[in-house]
Protein backbone atom coordinates (compact mmCIF):
# COMPACT_ATOMS: atom_id res chain seq x y z
CA MET A 1 -63.87 25.22 19.86
CA SER A 2 -64.93 23.59 16.74
CA GLU A 3 -65.56 20.02 16.24
CA SER A 4 -63.01 17.96 14.16
CA PRO A 5 -64.42 16.50 10.79
CA GLN A 6 -64.10 12.92 12.21
CA LYS A 7 -66.53 13.83 15.07
CA SER A 8 -69.23 15.99 13.01
CA GLY A 9 -71.99 14.35 11.37
CA VAL A 10 -70.46 14.84 7.88
CA GLY A 11 -67.34 12.92 9.15
CA ARG A 12 -69.27 10.02 10.18
CA LEU A 13 -71.40 9.91 6.99
CA PHE A 14 -68.43 9.79 4.91
CA ARG A 15 -66.35 7.13 6.74
CA ARG A 16 -64.89 4.32 4.66
CA GLY A 17 -65.97 1.15 6.31
CA PRO A 18 -69.78 1.03 5.83
CA TRP A 19 -69.51 2.61 2.31
CA GLU A 20 -66.76 -0.09 1.16
CA ILE A 21 -69.05 -3.00 2.61
CA ALA A 22 -72.27 -1.40 0.52
CA ALA A 23 -70.20 -1.44 -2.63
CA THR A 24 -68.76 -5.04 -1.99
CA LEU A 25 -72.50 -6.10 -1.64
CA PHE A 26 -73.36 -4.31 -4.86
CA ILE A 27 -70.59 -6.18 -6.68
CA ALA A 28 -71.59 -9.53 -5.03
CA ALA A 29 -75.25 -8.96 -6.01
CA GLY A 30 -74.24 -8.05 -9.86
CA VAL A 31 -72.22 -11.37 -10.01
CA LEU A 32 -74.99 -13.49 -8.37
CA MET A 33 -77.53 -11.95 -10.85
CA LEU A 34 -75.27 -12.66 -13.69
CA LEU A 35 -74.95 -16.45 -12.64
CA GLN A 36 -78.46 -17.19 -11.75
CA PRO A 37 -80.32 -19.09 -14.54
CA PHE A 38 -84.02 -18.15 -13.81
CA ALA A 39 -84.77 -14.56 -14.38
CA LEU A 40 -83.86 -12.92 -17.56
CA VAL A 41 -84.59 -9.15 -16.10
CA LEU A 42 -81.72 -9.94 -13.23
CA TYR A 43 -79.55 -11.17 -15.75
CA THR A 44 -80.23 -8.11 -17.82
CA TYR A 45 -79.31 -5.82 -15.11
CA SER A 46 -76.45 -7.65 -13.65
CA PHE A 47 -73.55 -5.95 -15.62
CA ILE A 48 -74.88 -2.32 -14.60
CA THR A 49 -75.11 -3.36 -11.03
CA THR A 50 -71.81 -4.62 -10.90
CA LEU A 51 -70.55 -1.61 -12.61
CA ILE A 52 -72.10 0.58 -10.08
CA GLY A 53 -70.54 -1.36 -7.42
CA VAL A 54 -66.95 -1.11 -8.81
CA VAL A 55 -67.49 2.65 -9.24
CA MET A 56 -68.58 3.18 -5.90
CA PHE A 57 -65.72 1.12 -4.67
CA VAL A 58 -63.22 3.25 -6.32
CA ILE A 59 -64.75 6.52 -5.07
CA VAL A 60 -65.17 5.16 -1.53
CA SER A 61 -61.38 4.19 -1.31
CA LYS A 62 -60.67 7.97 -1.45
CA PHE A 63 -62.85 8.44 1.75
CA PRO A 64 -61.00 8.89 5.02
CA GLU A 65 -61.03 5.84 7.55
């Protein structure tokens, strides 16, 4: 009998919960980088960090629970 996709290693790897948390942390990090007044380098990369988080969240929202 074969394992279901949820019980296999691939099924566990692509669960929505942990990836949504990671994407949300990327978005939060990008916003914090945008709002801080100290380092120009952080401000410079804030938009791309936020964008990566948003794209990750859109993709991950299609993963199975």
